[in-house]
């Protein structure tokens, strides 16, 4: 009789809650599970009845899961005291728990959005109050004593909204209030303001007026005013232009003031202003009257960030204006093209710079009649072009030197009474000998031009006896030129920038052709 099923035969496989490895199938003899934990079956219950099948089920033990305690709500904004102490704030109002225990004042700051909304509402109310006051002032403007009526109107408004009109009542009258002038930009006046706090202001004195003063710069550019233009043009004509004398200062300023385009153009104006920005950080001179070398570090009395911003704007304008004027055949385009080329060579873009210099020389070849009346300018164009051809081994566009030239006696007469000072510094004052230096350079550049043309033959051809004789002749010309230099262009007597730059050209030329 199988009226009762033995406890050990209830199931032949492991219980459902015990996993069997997949690589070792479970058998009934693999383990013995305790019979004491199994429920006993009633003898009167049939195995096939529902009660019997329910009794055969083994209960699965459940691990009780502990209930997680509910976290405290996150504090959106801590009070000012908790933020300062860097303690945890519960955000309770009007006082948090920390401030209540410590007895501190508990205050909550508004969020950025709430502050902006309140500020916007305050501005809106202030604007409405000002508009209402302005309408009342306009309506009472025809009275006999409009000044008193304006004060009365403000005081009436002040009683209604004291916070809005407290600044207006700080002065005796709205008409007496002083509107501060904007701080001057890149100008001599700006330098004077910054120089007051400089410890060397007693040793070096700033100039009172720029040597170049313009009053009509608005006809040519909107990037600067007359003060800034006068300052930057003075820097260019003091430090850059004497080296080559490429721009006649008197003719340029004359046409700039009268809006004429024979010796001036918008492109040329922007280029000279850009040179003025660049010159500010490279200003220096060695005083012959002093045993020490004066170095004028202008970065302390100028704002380099403003110079950079203005320089970027001027450079963008130069690029735009060059596309408009590059095909014009006139003197300002010649000068602009060569100045852009020199600027590129200064920045290390020699190939591009040589192209601009050559372009300027090509245009000048078509203006021979005009340049013959401009001795300094014509020789400056020829000088720069010949030097570029020698250094970069390019065939010259200008075959011959200019037909006109200063004599030594004429140059000496023109140099009498001329003065140069290191603007913006007022002293020392020196005699520059501009025309004598131009006469000396013209003789040198004629020899350099012959050397550049002669060097183009090599290395394509071999040297013969005639080449050796011609090279020896050029070398003797250089030595003779160097031997008869007047004292006024020697660095030990004249330390102006164009004389120093002349030596920078002379020494390498003598050495490379030795």
Protein backbone atom coordinates (compact mmCIF):
# COMPACT_ATOMS: atom_id res chain seq x y z
CA UNK A 1 0.00 0.00 0.00
CA UNK A 2 1.28 3.35 -0.93
CA UNK A 3 -1.04 5.27 1.28
CA UNK A 4 1.79 7.46 2.45
CA UNK A 5 4.78 8.72 0.56
CA UNK A 6 8.06 8.51 2.36
CA UNK A 7 9.61 11.84 3.11
CA UNK A 8 12.86 11.03 1.36
CA UNK A 9 11.11 10.21 -1.93
CA UNK A 10 9.06 13.38 -2.26
CA UNK A 11 11.34 14.81 -4.94
CA UNK A 12 14.25 13.40 -6.93
CA UNK A 13 15.90 16.66 -7.90
CA UNK A 14 17.32 19.54 -5.99
CA UNK A 15 14.79 22.05 -4.72
CA UNK A 16 13.96 24.95 -6.99
CA UNK A 17 15.74 27.46 -4.79
CA UNK A 18 19.11 25.68 -5.16
CA UNK A 19 20.78 26.17 -8.51
CA UNK A 20 22.52 23.23 -10.19
CA UNK A 21 25.68 23.91 -12.23
CA UNK A 22 25.14 23.60 -15.97
CA UNK A 23 28.09 21.29 -16.46
CA UNK A 24 27.02 18.78 -13.73
CA UNK A 25 23.36 17.79 -13.97
CA UNK A 26 21.79 17.12 -10.55
CA UNK A 27 20.80 13.61 -9.35
CA UNK A 28 18.84 12.40 -6.38
CA UNK A 29 21.92 10.89 -4.77
CA UNK A 30 24.03 13.96 -5.06
CA UNK A 31 22.79 15.46 -1.78
CA UNK A 32 20.30 14.90 1.09
CA UNK A 33 18.09 17.79 2.07
CA UNK A 34 16.62 17.79 5.57
CA UNK A 35 13.27 16.15 6.10
CA UNK A 36 12.51 18.03 9.24
CA UNK A 37 11.77 21.17 7.26
CA UNK A 38 9.31 19.44 4.95
CA UNK A 39 5.62 19.52 5.81
CA UNK A 40 4.09 16.17 6.76
CA UNK A 41 1.44 14.75 4.49
CA UNK A 42 -1.89 13.57 5.89
CA UNK A 43 -2.48 9.80 5.39
CA UNK A 44 -6.05 10.42 4.37
CA UNK A 45 -5.07 12.74 1.51
CA UNK A 46 -4.76 11.24 -1.93
CA UNK A 47 -1.67 12.02 -3.92
CA UNK A 48 -3.76 12.85 -6.90
CA UNK A 49 -6.03 15.31 -5.09
CA UNK A 50 -5.41 19.06 -5.22
CA UNK A 51 -4.60 19.11 -1.57
CA UNK A 52 -1.90 16.51 -2.15
CA UNK A 53 -0.33 18.50 -5.01
CA UNK A 54 -0.28 21.66 -2.88
CA UNK A 55 1.30 19.76 -0.05
CA UNK A 56 4.08 18.53 -2.36
CA UNK A 57 5.24 22.12 -3.04
CA UNK A 58 8.34 23.20 -1.20
CA UNK A 59 8.16 26.80 0.09
CA UNK A 60 10.98 29.10 -1.16
CA UNK A 61 12.69 30.87 1.70
CA UNK A 62 12.57 34.65 1.32
CA UNK A 63 15.23 36.99 2.66
CA UNK A 64 13.52 39.90 4.28
CA UNK A 65 14.44 43.21 2.62
CA UNK A 66 14.90 45.98 5.17
CA UNK A 67 12.92 49.08 4.46
CA UNK A 68 15.12 52.02 3.45
CA UNK A 69 14.46 55.05 5.57
CA UNK A 70 13.03 57.99 3.66
CA UNK A 71 15.72 60.57 2.99
CA UNK A 72 15.26 64.15 3.97
CA UNK A 73 14.22 66.50 1.19
CA UNK A 74 17.18 68.13 -0.60
CA UNK A 75 17.85 71.69 0.43
CA UNK A 76 17.62 73.86 -2.65
CA UNK A 77 19.35 76.91 -1.18
CA UNK A 78 21.37 77.19 2.01
CA UNK A 79 21.26 80.30 4.13
CA UNK A 80 24.06 82.85 4.01
CA UNK A 81 25.48 81.82 7.40
CA UNK A 82 25.67 78.12 6.46
CA UNK A 83 27.31 79.01 3.15
CA UNK A 84 29.90 81.07 4.98
CA UNK A 85 30.59 78.34 7.58
CA UNK A 86 30.30 75.60 4.93
CA UNK A 87 27.90 73.59 7.06
CA UNK A 88 24.88 71.58 6.01
CA UNK A 89 21.70 73.64 6.06
CA UNK A 90 18.22 72.14 6.36
CA UNK A 91 16.62 75.12 4.63
CA UNK A 92 14.12 75.73 7.41
CA UNK A 93 12.53 79.17 7.52
CA UNK A 94 12.59 81.65 9.11
CA UNK A 95 15.60 80.06 10.85
CA UNK A 96 17.50 76.93 9.98
CA UNK A 97 18.55 74.49 12.67
CA UNK A 98 22.21 75.57 12.66
CA UNK A 99 21.40 79.28 13.01
CA UNK A 100 18.85 78.54 15.70
CA UNK A 101 21.39 76.60 17.77
CA UNK A 102 24.18 79.14 17.24
CA UNK A 103 21.98 82.19 17.65
CA UNK A 104 23.17 83.66 14.34
CA UNK A 105 21.08 85.77 11.98
CA UNK A 106 19.58 83.49 9.33
CA UNK A 107 19.13 85.14 5.93
CA UNK A 108 18.48 83.60 2.53
CA UNK A 109 19.76 85.16 -0.67
CA UNK A 110 17.65 85.16 -3.80
CA UNK A 111 18.54 83.08 -6.82
CA UNK A 112 20.09 84.63 -9.89
CA UNK A 113 16.83 84.46 -11.78
CA UNK A 114 14.89 86.08 -8.95
CA UNK A 115 17.50 88.82 -8.61
CA UNK A 116 17.34 89.53 -12.34
CA UNK A 117 13.56 89.73 -12.22
CA UNK A 118 13.64 92.14 -9.28
CA UNK A 119 16.34 94.22 -10.97
CA UNK A 120 14.32 94.35 -14.17
CA UNK A 121 11.23 95.46 -12.28
CA UNK A 122 13.27 98.14 -10.49
CA UNK A 123 14.67 99.42 -13.78
CA UNK A 124 11.24 99.50 -15.32
CA UNK A 125 9.84 101.52 -12.43
CA UNK A 126 12.84 103.87 -12.54
CA UNK A 127 12.44 104.44 -16.28
CA UNK A 128 8.75 105.18 -15.90
CA UNK A 129 9.52 107.70 -13.16
CA UNK A 130 12.23 109.39 -15.24
CA UNK A 131 9.99 109.57 -18.31
CA UNK A 132 7.24 111.18 -16.26
CA UNK A 133 9.73 113.70 -14.83
CA UNK A 134 11.11 114.47 -18.30
CA UNK A 135 7.66 115.16 -19.66
CA UNK A 136 6.99 117.57 -16.80
CA UNK A 137 10.32 119.35 -17.37
CA UNK A 138 9.62 119.73 -21.09
CA UNK A 139 6.17 121.14 -20.40
CA UNK A 140 7.64 123.73 -17.97
CA UNK A 141 10.61 124.69 -20.14
CA UNK A 142 8.98 127.93 -21.32
CA UNK A 143 8.61 129.40 -17.84
CA UNK A 144 10.71 132.34 -16.69
CA UNK A 145 12.78 130.47 -14.14
CA UNK A 146 12.99 127.01 -15.62
CA UNK A 147 15.86 126.12 -13.31
CA UNK A 148 13.74 126.47 -10.16
CA UNK A 149 10.80 124.72 -11.75
CA UNK A 150 13.00 121.74 -12.59
CA UNK A 151 14.21 121.55 -8.99
CA UNK A 152 10.64 121.73 -7.70
CA UNK A 153 9.57 118.97 -10.05
CA UNK A 154 12.41 116.73 -8.90
CA UNK A 155 11.64 117.33 -5.23
CA UNK A 156 7.97 116.48 -5.75
CA UNK A 157 8.99 113.28 -7.46
CA UNK A 158 11.51 112.60 -4.72
CA UNK A 159 8.80 112.57 -2.06
CA UNK A 160 7.00 109.83 -4.00
CA UNK A 161 10.09 107.80 -4.97
CA UNK A 162 13.14 108.88 -2.93
CA UNK A 163 15.38 106.03 -4.12
CA UNK A 164 14.97 106.92 -7.79
CA UNK A 165 15.91 110.60 -7.49
CA UNK A 166 18.50 110.63 -4.71
CA UNK A 167 21.39 110.79 -7.21
CA UNK A 168 19.84 113.75 -9.01
CA UNK A 169 19.48 115.71 -5.76
CA UNK A 170 23.10 115.09 -4.78
CA UNK A 171 24.15 118.11 -6.87
CA UNK A 172 22.84 121.65 -6.44
CA UNK A 173 21.00 121.46 -9.72
CA UNK A 174 20.71 119.07 -12.65
CA UNK A 175 22.20 121.79 -14.81
CA UNK A 176 25.24 121.97 -12.52
CA UNK A 177 26.02 118.28 -12.69
CA UNK A 178 29.36 117.43 -14.28
CA UNK A 179 29.38 114.73 -16.91
CA UNK A 180 32.83 113.06 -16.85
CA UNK A 181 34.60 113.10 -20.18
CA UNK A 182 35.60 109.73 -21.62
CA UNK A 183 39.18 108.78 -21.02
CA UNK A 184 41.25 109.70 -24.09
CA UNK A 185 42.49 106.81 -26.18
CA UNK A 186 45.88 106.54 -27.88
CA UNK A 187 46.79 110.20 -27.67
CA UNK A 188 49.41 112.46 -26.16
CA UNK A 189 46.84 113.64 -23.60
CA UNK A 190 46.39 110.04 -22.46
CA UNK A 191 50.15 109.72 -22.03
CA UNK A 192 50.26 112.85 -19.90
CA UNK A 193 47.57 111.44 -17.61
CA UNK A 194 49.43 108.14 -17.19
CA UNK A 195 52.80 109.89 -16.85
CA UNK A 196 51.71 111.67 -13.66
CA UNK A 197 52.04 108.40 -11.73
CA UNK A 198 55.39 107.47 -13.29
CA UNK A 199 58.43 107.64 -11.04
CA UNK A 200 60.65 108.83 -13.93
CA UNK A 201 58.50 111.83 -14.82
CA UNK A 202 61.17 114.22 -13.51
CA UNK A 203 63.93 112.71 -15.66
CA UNK A 204 61.98 112.60 -18.93
CA UNK A 205 59.54 115.32 -19.97
CA UNK A 206 56.71 114.64 -22.40
CA UNK A 207 56.06 116.95 -25.32
CA UNK A 208 53.21 119.42 -24.94
CA UNK A 209 51.94 119.13 -28.52
CA UNK A 210 52.43 116.48 -31.23
CA UNK A 211 54.62 117.73 -34.10
CA UNK A 212 51.96 116.66 -36.63
CA UNK A 213 48.49 118.06 -35.92
CA UNK A 214 45.48 117.27 -38.11
CA UNK A 215 41.89 118.48 -37.83
CA UNK A 216 40.15 116.70 -40.74
CA UNK A 217 40.82 113.02 -40.20
CA UNK A 218 37.08 112.26 -40.47
CA UNK A 219 37.35 112.71 -44.26
CA UNK A 220 39.60 109.64 -44.48
CA UNK A 221 38.69 107.27 -41.63
CA UNK A 222 36.16 106.80 -38.87
CA UNK A 223 38.39 104.61 -36.69
CA UNK A 224 40.20 107.47 -34.91
CA UNK A 225 39.59 111.10 -34.02
CA UNK A 226 41.88 114.06 -34.63
CA UNK A 227 43.80 113.68 -31.34
CA UNK A 228 44.58 110.01 -31.92
CA UNK A 229 45.44 110.61 -35.57
CA UNK A 230 47.80 113.47 -34.68
CA UNK A 231 49.53 111.28 -32.10
CA UNK A 232 49.96 108.24 -34.37
CA UNK A 233 51.04 110.27 -37.41
CA UNK A 234 53.58 112.09 -35.23
CA UNK A 235 55.02 108.74 -34.16
CA UNK A 236 55.33 107.63 -37.79
CA UNK A 237 56.97 110.82 -39.06
CA UNK A 238 59.32 110.88 -36.05
CA UNK A 239 60.55 107.28 -36.06
CA UNK A 240 59.69 105.53 -39.33
CA UNK A 241 59.62 108.03 -42.19
CA UNK A 242 63.12 109.53 -41.67
CA UNK A 243 64.68 106.15 -42.50
CA UNK A 244 63.58 106.26 -46.16
CA UNK A 245 61.79 109.65 -46.56
CA UNK A 246 59.16 107.80 -48.59
CA UNK A 247 56.35 110.24 -47.69
CA UNK A 248 56.72 114.01 -47.88
CA UNK A 249 55.25 115.15 -44.56
CA UNK A 250 54.25 118.66 -45.65
CA UNK A 251 52.54 117.59 -48.86
CA UNK A 252 50.77 114.68 -47.17
CA UNK A 253 49.37 116.78 -44.30
CA UNK A 254 48.40 119.57 -46.72
CA UNK A 255 46.26 117.23 -48.84
CA UNK A 256 44.90 115.40 -45.78
CA UNK A 257 43.55 118.64 -44.33
CA UNK A 258 41.99 119.73 -47.63
CA UNK A 259 40.62 116.37 -48.75
CA UNK A 260 42.82 116.15 -51.85
CA UNK A 261 44.11 112.90 -53.33
CA UNK A 262 47.33 113.91 -55.09
CA UNK A 263 49.59 113.16 -52.12
CA UNK A 264 47.07 111.49 -49.79
CA UNK A 265 44.59 108.61 -49.90
CA UNK A 266 42.46 106.69 -47.44
CA UNK A 267 44.70 103.63 -47.90
CA UNK A 268 47.86 105.62 -47.18
CA UNK A 269 46.28 107.24 -44.11
CA UNK A 270 45.33 103.86 -42.63
CA UNK A 271 48.82 102.47 -43.30
CA UNK A 272 50.57 105.40 -41.58
CA UNK A 273 48.22 105.11 -38.60
CA UNK A 274 49.01 101.39 -38.40
CA UNK A 275 52.74 102.17 -38.45
CA UNK A 276 52.11 104.60 -35.59
CA UNK A 277 50.55 101.80 -33.52
CA UNK A 278 53.56 99.57 -34.22
CA UNK A 279 56.07 102.34 -33.46
CA UNK A 280 54.80 102.89 -29.92
CA UNK A 281 56.48 99.77 -28.50
CA UNK A 282 59.81 100.25 -30.34
CA UNK A 283 60.70 103.83 -29.40
CA UNK A 284 64.31 104.30 -28.29
CA UNK A 285 67.30 106.56 -28.78
CA UNK A 286 70.85 106.87 -27.51
CA UNK A 287 71.57 110.38 -26.31
CA UNK A 288 74.92 111.77 -27.38
CA UNK A 289 74.78 114.37 -24.63
CA UNK A 290 74.53 111.82 -21.85
CA UNK A 291 76.92 109.04 -20.82
CA UNK A 292 74.04 106.61 -20.46
CA UNK A 293 71.64 105.19 -23.01
CA UNK A 294 68.03 106.35 -22.65
CA UNK A 295 65.49 103.65 -23.37
CA UNK A 296 61.95 104.94 -23.58
CA UNK A 297 59.70 102.10 -22.50
CA UNK A 298 56.34 103.52 -23.53
CA UNK A 299 54.37 100.44 -22.49
CA UNK A 300 53.94 102.00 -19.04
CA UNK A 301 52.19 105.10 -20.38
CA UNK A 302 50.26 103.50 -23.21
CA UNK A 303 47.52 100.92 -23.27
CA UNK A 304 48.80 98.03 -25.37
CA UNK A 305 45.38 96.39 -25.41
CA UNK A 306 43.88 99.48 -27.04
CA UNK A 307 46.74 99.61 -29.52
CA UNK A 308 46.16 95.98 -30.44
CA UNK A 309 42.42 96.47 -30.93
CA UNK A 310 42.97 99.58 -33.05
CA UNK A 311 45.76 97.85 -34.97
CA UNK A 312 43.46 94.95 -35.86
CA UNK A 313 40.81 97.36 -37.12
CA UNK A 314 43.34 99.34 -39.15
CA UNK A 315 44.81 96.15 -40.64
CA UNK A 316 41.35 94.96 -41.73
CA UNK A 317 40.71 98.35 -43.34
CA UNK A 318 44.08 98.20 -45.13
CA UNK A 319 43.23 94.83 -46.65
CA UNK A 320 39.86 96.12 -47.85
CA UNK A 321 41.22 99.40 -49.24
CA UNK A 322 44.13 97.69 -51.00
CA UNK A 323 41.70 95.68 -53.11
CA UNK A 324 40.08 98.95 -54.17
CA UNK A 325 43.25 100.97 -54.87
CA UNK A 326 45.80 98.41 -56.08
CA UNK A 327 45.18 99.23 -59.77
CA UNK A 328 45.37 103.00 -59.34
CA UNK A 329 48.37 104.73 -60.90
CA UNK A 330 49.25 107.52 -58.49
CA UNK A 331 51.86 108.39 -55.89
CA UNK A 332 49.83 107.37 -52.77
CA UNK A 333 49.37 103.87 -54.23
CA UNK A 334 53.13 103.59 -54.85
CA UNK A 335 53.88 104.61 -51.28
CA UNK A 336 51.16 102.35 -49.86
CA UNK A 337 52.36 99.30 -51.78
CA UNK A 338 55.98 99.76 -50.69
CA UNK A 339 55.00 100.41 -47.06
CA UNK A 340 52.92 97.22 -47.01
CA UNK A 341 55.92 95.37 -48.45
CA UNK A 342 58.24 96.71 -45.76
CA UNK A 343 55.70 95.74 -43.12
CA UNK A 344 55.51 92.18 -44.47
CA UNK A 345 59.31 91.89 -44.48
CA UNK A 346 59.37 93.12 -40.89
CA UNK A 347 56.93 90.37 -39.91
CA UNK A 348 59.04 87.70 -41.67
CA UNK A 349 56.90 87.45 -44.83
CA UNK A 350 59.78 88.31 -47.15
CA UNK A 351 58.38 86.71 -50.30
CA UNK A 352 55.07 88.54 -50.04
CA UNK A 353 56.81 91.75 -49.00
CA UNK A 354 59.07 91.67 -52.06
CA UNK A 355 56.02 91.32 -54.31
CA UNK A 356 54.44 94.45 -52.81
CA UNK A 357 57.71 96.39 -53.15
CA UNK A 358 58.03 95.31 -56.78
CA UNK A 359 54.42 96.29 -57.42
CA UNK A 360 55.10 99.77 -56.07
CA UNK A 361 58.22 100.08 -58.25
CA UNK A 362 56.23 99.06 -61.34
CA UNK A 363 53.65 101.78 -60.72
CA UNK A 364 56.39 104.35 -60.03
CA UNK A 365 57.98 103.58 -63.42
CA UNK A 366 54.79 104.93 -65.00
CA UNK A 367 55.00 108.08 -62.88
CA UNK A 368 58.52 109.16 -63.81
CA UNK A 369 57.44 112.70 -64.66
CA UNK A 370 55.77 113.16 -61.26
CA UNK A 371 58.57 111.56 -59.26
CA UNK A 372 61.20 113.74 -60.92
CA UNK A 373 59.70 116.62 -58.93
CA UNK A 374 59.99 114.61 -55.70
CA UNK A 375 63.69 114.06 -55.10
CA UNK A 376 63.40 112.51 -51.64
CA UNK A 377 60.46 110.28 -52.56
CA UNK A 378 61.86 109.13 -55.92
CA UNK A 379 65.18 108.12 -54.35
CA UNK A 380 63.35 106.39 -51.49
CA UNK A 381 61.40 104.23 -53.97
CA UNK A 382 64.57 103.40 -55.89
CA UNK A 383 66.50 102.73 -52.66
CA UNK A 384 64.00 100.26 -51.21
CA UNK A 385 63.53 98.47 -54.52
CA UNK A 386 67.28 98.13 -55.16
CA UNK A 387 67.89 96.81 -51.65
CA UNK A 388 65.13 94.21 -52.05
CA UNK A 389 66.55 93.10 -55.41
CA UNK A 390 70.02 92.67 -53.91
CA UNK A 391 68.88 90.75 -50.83
CA UNK A 392 66.36 88.47 -52.55
CA UNK A 393 68.12 88.24 -55.96
CA UNK A 394 65.26 89.64 -58.01
CA UNK A 395 65.61 91.39 -61.39
CA UNK A 396 65.07 95.13 -60.90
CA UNK A 397 62.05 96.83 -62.42
CA UNK A 398 63.72 100.25 -62.37
CA UNK A 399 66.69 100.09 -64.72
CA UNK A 400 68.29 103.40 -63.80
CA UNK A 401 68.49 105.66 -60.75
CA UNK A 402 66.32 108.79 -60.69
CA UNK A 403 67.47 111.60 -62.94
CA UNK A 404 67.36 114.20 -60.15
CA UNK A 405 69.67 114.17 -57.14
CA UNK A 406 70.76 116.43 -54.31
CA UNK A 407 74.29 117.76 -54.33
CA UNK A 408 76.26 117.89 -51.10
CA UNK A 409 76.09 121.69 -50.98
CA UNK A 410 72.35 121.75 -51.64
CA UNK A 411 71.73 119.13 -48.94
CA UNK A 412 73.78 121.08 -46.40
CA UNK A 413 71.74 124.24 -47.03
CA UNK A 414 68.42 122.41 -46.67
CA UNK A 415 69.53 120.84 -43.38
CA UNK A 416 70.14 124.16 -41.65
CA UNK A 417 67.71 124.82 -38.80
CA UNK A 418 66.10 121.38 -38.84
CA UNK A 419 65.50 119.71 -35.46
CA UNK A 420 64.49 116.26 -34.31
CA UNK A 421 63.24 115.15 -30.88
CA UNK A 422 62.20 111.65 -29.80
CA UNK A 423 58.43 112.22 -29.67
CA UNK A 424 56.59 111.82 -27.33
CA UNK A 425 59.66 112.69 -25.24
CA UNK A 426 60.55 116.37 -25.43
CA UNK A 427 64.33 116.02 -25.30
CA UNK A 428 67.10 115.62 -26.34
CA UNK A 429 66.85 117.76 -29.46
CA UNK A 430 69.25 116.91 -32.29
CA UNK A 431 69.95 118.12 -35.81
CA UNK A 432 68.88 115.22 -38.05
CA UNK A 433 70.64 116.11 -41.37
CA UNK A 434 67.84 114.55 -43.42
CA UNK A 435 69.00 115.82 -46.81
CA UNK A 436 72.66 115.01 -46.24
CA UNK A 437 71.69 111.48 -45.31
CA UNK A 438 69.57 111.26 -48.47
CA UNK A 439 72.51 112.40 -50.59
CA UNK A 440 74.76 109.78 -48.96
CA UNK A 441 72.18 107.02 -49.45
CA UNK A 442 71.63 107.95 -53.10
CA UNK A 443 75.30 107.34 -53.88
CA UNK A 444 75.22 104.05 -51.96
CA UNK A 445 72.03 102.76 -53.57
CA UNK A 446 73.38 103.45 -57.06
CA UNK A 447 76.27 101.09 -56.29
CA UNK A 448 73.91 98.55 -54.70
CA UNK A 449 71.74 98.63 -57.84
CA UNK A 450 74.76 97.81 -60.02
CA UNK A 451 75.75 94.98 -57.65
CA UNK A 452 72.22 93.51 -57.74
CA UNK A 453 72.16 93.53 -61.55
CA UNK A 454 75.66 92.04 -61.74
CA UNK A 455 74.83 89.25 -59.26
CA UNK A 456 71.98 87.98 -61.46
CA UNK A 457 74.54 86.57 -63.92
CA UNK A 458 75.63 83.98 -61.40
CA UNK A 459 75.67 81.04 -60.85
CA UNK A 460 74.28 80.56 -64.38
CA UNK A 461 77.59 81.60 -65.95
CA UNK A 462 81.19 81.26 -64.88
CA UNK A 463 83.39 84.14 -63.84
CA UNK A 464 85.79 85.47 -66.47
CA UNK A 465 88.45 88.14 -66.29
CA UNK A 466 86.05 90.94 -67.22
CA UNK A 467 83.72 89.89 -64.41
CA UNK A 468 86.55 89.98 -61.92
CA UNK A 469 87.57 93.46 -63.09
CA UNK A 470 83.99 94.77 -62.91
CA UNK A 471 83.49 93.27 -59.44
CA UNK A 472 86.74 94.86 -58.28
CA UNK A 473 85.56 98.22 -59.63
CA UNK A 474 82.28 97.98 -57.68
CA UNK A 475 84.17 97.09 -54.54
CA UNK A 476 86.48 100.09 -54.94
CA UNK A 477 83.43 102.33 -55.35
CA UNK A 478 82.07 101.05 -52.04
CA UNK A 479 85.35 101.68 -50.26
CA UNK A 480 85.63 105.16 -51.73
CA UNK A 481 82.05 105.97 -50.73
CA UNK A 482 82.66 104.79 -47.16
CA UNK A 483 85.90 106.76 -46.88
CA UNK A 484 84.35 110.14 -47.75
CA UNK A 485 81.31 109.96 -45.47
CA UNK A 486 80.73 113.34 -43.79
CA UNK A 487 80.80 113.53 -40.01
CA UNK A 488 77.09 114.39 -39.84
CA UNK A 489 76.08 110.84 -40.82
CA UNK A 490 78.44 109.00 -38.49
CA UNK A 491 76.85 107.35 -35.41
CA UNK A 492 79.39 108.82 -33.01
CA UNK A 493 78.14 112.30 -33.94
CA UNK A 494 74.54 111.67 -34.96
CA UNK A 495 72.37 109.09 -33.17
CA UNK A 496 69.04 109.79 -34.84
CA UNK A 497 67.21 106.64 -36.02
CA UNK A 498 67.76 107.10 -39.77
CA UNK A 499 71.53 107.41 -39.28
CA UNK A 500 71.64 104.22 -37.22
CA UNK A 501 69.59 102.39 -39.86
CA UNK A 502 71.97 103.69 -42.54
CA UNK A 503 74.78 101.90 -40.73
CA UNK A 504 72.69 98.72 -40.62
CA UNK A 505 72.61 98.85 -44.43
CA UNK A 506 76.20 99.95 -44.93
CA UNK A 507 77.97 97.28 -42.85
CA UNK A 508 76.34 94.20 -44.45
CA UNK A 509 76.80 95.69 -47.94
CA UNK A 510 80.52 96.22 -47.39
CA UNK A 511 80.97 92.78 -45.85
CA UNK A 512 79.07 90.81 -48.50
CA UNK A 513 80.93 92.52 -51.32
CA UNK A 514 84.41 92.27 -49.82
